[in-house]
Amino acid sequence: MKKIVILFLVLLSPAAFAQSQNFEGFGLSIDYALNSITDKSTPGGSVTSRSGMPSITADAYKAISDSWLVGVYGNYDLGTTDTTGTDPDAHRPIEAGGKVGYAITEKLMAYAKLGWSWSKYSSPGYYQWMNGPSYGIGAEYLITKNLFTRVEVSQQNYKTVDWGDGSSDKVNINSYGIGLGWRF
């Protein structure tokens, strides 16, 4: 138990790391992504739509060396996973997971993320939650000590949804986004 307490205190203690400390802390950003949403229906074909989607992202990083950081994130989309424009339930997907960052310079950090996504989805007479893995890569640039901008490429891979009538849908979302945020 003593070792666990010591490890916990070490992880929470302030670290004096050169480049990575600039990215430590809690961040909140407004993001905008151009999405390519593909719905593969069985029976039926595949429908792809392209749309823009604003979202809100919260994240937190902890420096673990001069260049490396670990963190967590959560994302709330203010858009839809619907490809036809007819599904009133397919709104506001959410995503949560972990990040690993590498501070290239004192102002530039690259990162990779791995998480899980959830979204409502319906078909005439049916309603379900879709979920599945998500991943991406990106970079953050510090404009000032607290203000940052972000670019990111990511993908959400929702598991197949089986409907009561024997049909199914599988949705993948490819996102290409930018963001502006504040690190506290």
Protein backbone atom coordinates (compact mmCIF):
# COMPACT_ATOMS: atom_id res chain seq x y z
CA MET A 1 0.00 0.00 0.00
CA LYS A 2 2.87 2.36 0.84
CA LYS A 3 4.34 1.88 -2.67
CA ILE A 4 1.00 2.72 -4.28
CA VAL A 5 0.70 5.94 -2.25
CA ILE A 6 4.27 6.95 -3.19
CA LEU A 7 3.61 6.23 -6.87
CA PHE A 8 0.39 8.27 -6.73
CA LEU A 9 2.19 11.23 -5.13
CA VAL A 10 4.99 11.07 -7.71
CA LEU A 11 2.46 11.14 -10.56
CA LEU A 12 0.66 14.14 -9.07
CA SER A 13 3.74 16.11 -8.07
CA PRO A 14 4.86 18.93 -10.34
CA ALA A 15 7.61 17.86 -12.69
CA ALA A 16 10.33 20.14 -13.98
CA PHE A 17 10.50 18.85 -17.55
CA ALA A 18 11.72 21.24 -20.22
CA GLN A 19 9.53 21.07 -23.33
CA SER A 20 6.71 18.84 -22.15
CA GLN A 21 5.70 20.97 -19.15
CA ASN A 22 4.29 23.62 -21.49
CA PHE A 23 1.53 21.21 -22.50
CA GLU A 24 0.67 19.94 -19.01
CA GLY A 25 -2.72 20.58 -17.49
CA PHE A 26 -6.37 20.73 -18.44
CA GLY A 27 -7.39 21.96 -21.89
CA LEU A 28 -10.73 22.92 -23.41
CA SER A 29 -11.19 23.52 -27.14
CA ILE A 30 -13.77 24.18 -29.81
CA ASP A 31 -13.06 21.98 -32.83
CA TYR A 32 -14.41 21.77 -36.36
CA ALA A 33 -14.03 18.62 -38.46
CA LEU A 34 -14.78 17.81 -42.07
CA ASN A 35 -16.21 14.31 -41.92
CA SER A 36 -16.72 11.52 -44.38
CA ILE A 37 -19.47 9.33 -42.90
CA THR A 38 -19.98 5.90 -44.51
CA ASP A 39 -23.02 3.75 -43.68
CA LYS A 40 -22.82 0.17 -45.02
CA SER A 41 -26.31 -1.36 -44.91
CA THR A 42 -27.21 -5.03 -45.26
CA PRO A 43 -29.27 -5.61 -47.31
CA GLY A 44 -28.61 -2.57 -49.39
CA GLY A 45 -25.54 -0.69 -50.34
CA SER A 46 -23.25 1.90 -48.96
CA VAL A 47 -24.02 5.60 -48.49
CA THR A 48 -21.30 8.18 -47.89
CA SER A 49 -21.99 11.75 -46.88
CA ARG A 50 -19.63 14.60 -46.20
CA SER A 51 -20.37 17.22 -43.60
CA GLY A 52 -18.77 19.62 -41.23
CA MET A 53 -19.18 19.00 -37.52
CA PRO A 54 -18.33 21.30 -34.61
CA SER A 55 -17.38 19.70 -31.30
CA ILE A 56 -16.09 20.44 -27.82
CA THR A 57 -12.99 18.63 -26.52
CA ALA A 58 -11.66 18.46 -22.97
CA ASP A 59 -8.27 16.90 -22.30
CA ALA A 60 -5.58 16.74 -19.65
CA TYR A 61 -1.86 15.95 -19.98
CA LYS A 62 0.84 14.98 -17.50
CA ALA A 63 4.54 15.18 -18.45
CA ILE A 64 6.47 11.98 -17.81
CA SER A 65 9.84 13.07 -19.26
CA ASP A 66 11.42 16.03 -21.06
CA SER A 67 9.47 15.24 -24.23
CA TRP A 68 6.76 12.66 -23.44
CA LEU A 69 3.28 13.25 -22.02
CA VAL A 70 0.32 11.01 -21.24
CA GLY A 71 -3.25 12.18 -21.09
CA VAL A 72 -6.97 11.58 -21.31
CA TYR A 73 -9.61 13.22 -23.49
CA GLY A 74 -13.34 13.48 -24.03
CA ASN A 75 -15.10 14.83 -27.11
CA TYR A 76 -18.75 15.84 -27.59
CA ASP A 77 -19.85 16.39 -31.20
CA LEU A 78 -22.49 19.00 -31.87
CA GLY A 79 -23.53 17.23 -35.10
CA THR A 80 -24.86 13.93 -36.35
CA THR A 81 -23.78 10.47 -37.55
CA ASP A 82 -26.77 10.34 -39.92
CA THR A 83 -25.85 9.95 -43.60
CA THR A 84 -29.35 10.46 -45.02
CA GLY A 85 -30.56 13.45 -43.03
CA THR A 86 -33.65 11.51 -41.94
CA ASP A 87 -32.59 10.07 -38.57
CA PRO A 88 -33.71 12.37 -35.73
CA ASP A 89 -31.92 10.16 -33.15
CA ALA A 90 -28.41 10.09 -34.65
CA HIS A 91 -27.14 13.19 -32.88
CA ARG A 92 -24.26 14.21 -30.68
CA PRO A 93 -21.77 11.33 -30.72
CA ILE A 94 -19.34 11.21 -27.79
CA GLU A 95 -15.80 9.86 -27.59
CA ALA A 96 -13.39 9.26 -24.70
CA GLY A 97 -9.93 7.75 -24.39
CA GLY A 98 -6.23 8.26 -23.83
CA LYS A 99 -3.46 10.20 -25.56
CA VAL A 100 0.31 9.95 -25.76
CA GLY A 101 2.09 13.17 -26.70
CA TYR A 102 5.61 14.03 -27.77
CA ALA A 103 6.82 17.64 -27.36
CA ILE A 104 8.85 18.31 -30.49
CA THR A 105 9.67 21.86 -29.38
CA GLU A 106 8.51 24.09 -26.54
CA LYS A 107 5.53 25.12 -28.69
CA LEU A 108 4.78 22.06 -30.85
CA MET A 109 3.50 18.68 -29.67
CA ALA A 110 2.48 15.65 -31.76
CA TYR A 111 0.12 13.06 -30.29
CA ALA A 112 -1.68 9.81 -30.93
CA LYS A 113 -5.02 8.93 -29.39
CA LEU A 114 -6.99 5.75 -28.83
CA GLY A 115 -10.52 5.72 -27.49
CA TRP A 116 -14.11 4.55 -27.73
CA SER A 117 -17.08 6.27 -29.42
CA TRP A 118 -20.84 6.13 -28.81
CA SER A 119 -23.74 7.46 -30.90
CA LYS A 120 -27.51 7.00 -31.06
CA TYR A 121 -28.86 5.54 -34.29
CA SER A 122 -32.33 4.55 -35.49
CA SER A 123 -34.10 2.89 -38.36
CA PRO A 124 -37.87 3.08 -38.96
CA GLY A 125 -39.36 1.48 -35.86
CA TYR A 126 -35.98 0.69 -34.19
CA TYR A 127 -33.56 2.55 -31.95
CA GLN A 128 -30.08 1.57 -30.68
CA TRP A 129 -26.78 2.94 -29.44
CA MET A 130 -23.78 2.31 -31.69
CA ASN A 131 -20.30 2.11 -30.25
CA GLY A 132 -16.82 1.16 -31.31
CA PRO A 133 -13.11 2.00 -31.26
CA SER A 134 -11.67 5.30 -32.39
CA TYR A 135 -8.12 6.44 -33.02
CA GLY A 136 -6.20 9.35 -34.50
CA ILE A 137 -3.09 11.45 -34.73
CA GLY A 138 -2.65 15.17 -34.37
CA ALA A 139 -0.53 18.13 -33.38
CA GLU A 140 -0.96 21.07 -31.03
CA TYR A 141 0.81 24.40 -31.35
CA LEU A 142 0.98 26.89 -28.46
CA ILE A 143 0.18 30.39 -29.74
CA THR A 144 0.63 31.84 -26.25
CA LYS A 145 1.30 30.22 -22.88
CA ASN A 146 -2.37 29.13 -22.66
CA LEU A 147 -3.89 29.54 -26.15
CA PHE A 148 -3.33 26.65 -28.56
CA THR A 149 -4.44 25.44 -31.96
CA ARG A 150 -4.80 21.84 -33.05
CA VAL A 151 -4.97 19.76 -36.24
CA GLU A 152 -6.14 16.15 -36.15
CA VAL A 153 -6.97 13.20 -38.39
CA SER A 154 -9.10 10.50 -36.76
CA GLN A 155 -11.51 7.66 -37.39
CA GLN A 156 -14.50 6.28 -35.50
CA ASN A 157 -15.37 2.65 -36.32
CA TYR A 158 -18.79 1.81 -34.98
CA LYS A 159 -19.65 -1.87 -34.54
CA THR A 160 -22.43 -3.32 -36.69
CA VAL A 161 -25.95 -2.54 -35.47
CA ASP A 162 -28.41 -5.41 -36.07
CA TRP A 163 -32.07 -4.41 -36.46
CA GLY A 164 -35.13 -6.49 -35.53
CA ASP A 165 -36.04 -7.05 -39.19
CA GLY A 166 -32.72 -8.81 -39.95
CA SER A 167 -31.03 -5.82 -41.58
CA SER A 168 -27.87 -4.19 -40.24
CA ASP A 169 -25.78 -1.02 -40.46
CA LYS A 170 -22.07 -0.35 -39.90
CA VAL A 171 -20.90 3.27 -39.71
CA ASN A 172 -17.33 4.60 -40.09
CA ILE A 173 -16.44 8.27 -39.74
CA ASN A 174 -13.18 9.73 -41.09
CA SER A 175 -12.53 13.19 -39.60
CA TYR A 176 -10.10 15.95 -40.60
CA GLY A 177 -10.26 18.66 -37.96
CA ILE A 178 -8.86 21.90 -36.60
CA GLY A 179 -9.39 23.42 -33.19
CA LEU A 180 -8.71 26.41 -30.99
CA GLY A 181 -8.40 25.96 -27.25
CA TRP A 182 -7.20 27.17 -23.87
CA ARG A 183 -4.88 25.22 -21.57
CA PHE A 184 -5.44 25.95 -17.86
